[in-house]
Each structure stands twice: as C-alpha cells, then as structure tokens.
Amino acid sequence: MSKAIELTNELKKELDRLPLFIEYKRVKGLVDNSTELKELKKEITESINDKEKHKVLLERYNNHPLIVNLKQLEEEVSEYLKEICEIINKK
C-alpha cells in the first residue's frame, strides 16, 4: 500500500475519533431513522401541488431540531475538512 493511502486511512481513523465527527454521525443516524421526519418528507412530496401546504410542511421540516442540528454540524464538519485540505495543499 502506498504511503499516501496509508496516511489517508490514518487521517480518516483520527477524524472518526473526534467528538465533532462522532456527534455528526450520531445526529445523522437519528435523522435517517426518524419515523417523524420520514413521514414529514413523504407529506412534503405529496403536497407538491398545494403550494401553501408544501411551504408549511417544508418549513416545519427545516425547523425541526434534529434537522437544524444536523445542518449546523454539516457546516462545522465541512469547515474542518476545508482546513485539512488547505493544510494538505500547502505542502
């Protein structure tokens, strides 16, 4: 295995141990397994022809605490990964 691939695997293992990434995966799992959010997504899809209902449901979905939390974590994870890319690209 090449040194670059080895180092990449090592980096991934280290990232997976960070509290930010652990929390992201936990919340992502909660969102993915939420019956309430799955039902809400289904209702949103079904309400596509009723603009007002669609808007209300979409707002409810986007303001759900799990979704708000997930979006915030996604931003934080993205920023962290961008920092890593910048560091790697400087060398």
Protein backbone atom coordinates (compact mmCIF):
# COMPACT_ATOMS: atom_id res chain seq x y z
CA MET A 1 0.00 0.00 0.00
CA SER A 2 1.36 3.43 -0.87
CA LYS A 3 2.39 5.85 1.86
CA ALA A 4 -0.29 8.37 0.76
CA ILE A 5 -3.08 5.82 1.08
CA GLU A 6 -1.74 4.69 4.45
CA LEU A 7 -1.68 8.27 5.71
CA THR A 8 -5.17 8.90 4.34
CA ASN A 9 -6.53 5.86 6.18
CA GLU A 10 -4.79 7.02 9.34
CA LEU A 11 -6.31 10.50 8.95
CA LYS A 12 -9.79 9.02 8.50
CA LYS A 13 -9.40 6.96 11.66
CA GLU A 14 -8.34 10.05 13.58
CA LEU A 15 -11.26 12.07 12.20
CA ASP A 16 -13.69 9.32 13.17
CA ARG A 17 -12.49 9.66 16.78
CA LEU A 18 -13.10 13.40 17.00
CA PRO A 19 -16.14 14.50 19.05
CA LEU A 20 -17.40 16.64 16.14
CA PHE A 21 -17.46 13.68 13.75
CA ILE A 22 -18.90 11.34 16.36
CA GLU A 23 -21.73 13.80 17.04
CA TYR A 24 -22.33 14.33 13.32
CA LYS A 25 -22.70 10.57 12.75
CA ARG A 26 -24.97 10.24 15.78
CA VAL A 27 -27.31 13.02 14.69
CA LYS A 28 -27.25 11.85 11.06
CA GLY A 29 -28.33 8.41 12.28
CA LEU A 30 -31.16 9.93 14.31
CA VAL A 31 -32.36 11.90 11.27
CA ASP A 32 -32.09 8.90 8.94
CA ASN A 33 -34.05 6.70 11.36
CA SER A 34 -36.66 9.22 12.47
CA THR A 35 -40.14 7.99 11.65
CA GLU A 36 -41.46 11.51 12.21
CA LEU A 37 -39.05 13.03 9.68
CA LYS A 38 -39.64 10.25 7.14
CA GLU A 39 -43.39 10.86 7.37
CA LEU A 40 -42.88 14.60 7.07
CA LYS A 41 -40.73 14.13 3.96
CA LYS A 42 -43.45 11.94 2.48
CA GLU A 43 -46.07 14.61 3.21
CA ILE A 44 -43.84 17.27 1.64
CA THR A 45 -43.51 15.22 -1.52
CA GLU A 46 -47.25 14.57 -1.67
CA SER A 47 -48.11 18.24 -1.14
CA ILE A 48 -46.13 19.49 -4.14
CA ASN A 49 -49.34 20.64 -5.87
CA ASP A 50 -50.58 22.56 -2.83
CA LYS A 51 -48.04 25.36 -2.56
CA GLU A 52 -49.20 26.69 0.79
CA LYS A 53 -49.30 23.29 2.47
CA HIS A 54 -45.96 22.41 0.88
CA LYS A 55 -44.40 25.60 2.21
CA VAL A 56 -45.72 24.99 5.75
CA LEU A 57 -44.51 21.38 5.79
CA LEU A 58 -41.12 22.29 4.37
CA GLU A 59 -40.71 25.00 6.99
CA ARG A 60 -41.69 22.53 9.70
CA TYR A 61 -39.12 20.05 8.40
CA ASN A 62 -36.33 22.61 8.11
CA ASN A 63 -37.03 23.93 11.61
CA HIS A 64 -37.15 20.50 13.25
CA PRO A 65 -34.47 20.43 15.99
CA LEU A 66 -32.72 17.39 14.50
CA ILE A 67 -32.53 19.00 11.06
CA VAL A 68 -31.31 22.31 12.48
CA ASN A 69 -28.68 20.45 14.49
CA LEU A 70 -27.63 18.33 11.51
CA LYS A 71 -27.24 21.37 9.25
CA GLN A 72 -25.07 23.09 11.85
CA LEU A 73 -22.92 20.00 12.26
CA GLU A 74 -22.61 19.64 8.48
CA GLU A 75 -21.30 23.20 8.28
CA GLU A 76 -18.79 22.56 11.07
CA VAL A 77 -17.60 19.29 9.53
CA SER A 78 -17.29 20.97 6.13
CA GLU A 79 -15.21 23.81 7.58
CA TYR A 80 -12.97 21.35 9.41
CA LEU A 81 -12.39 19.33 6.24
CA LYS A 82 -11.66 22.51 4.27
CA GLU A 83 -8.99 23.40 6.83
CA ILE A 84 -7.44 19.96 6.40
CA CYS A 85 -7.46 20.36 2.60
CA GLU A 86 -5.78 23.75 2.89
CA ILE A 87 -3.08 22.29 5.13
CA ILE A 88 -2.50 19.35 2.76
CA ASN A 89 -2.37 21.62 -0.29
CA LYS A 90 0.26 23.89 1.32
CA LYS A 91 2.83 21.09 1.50
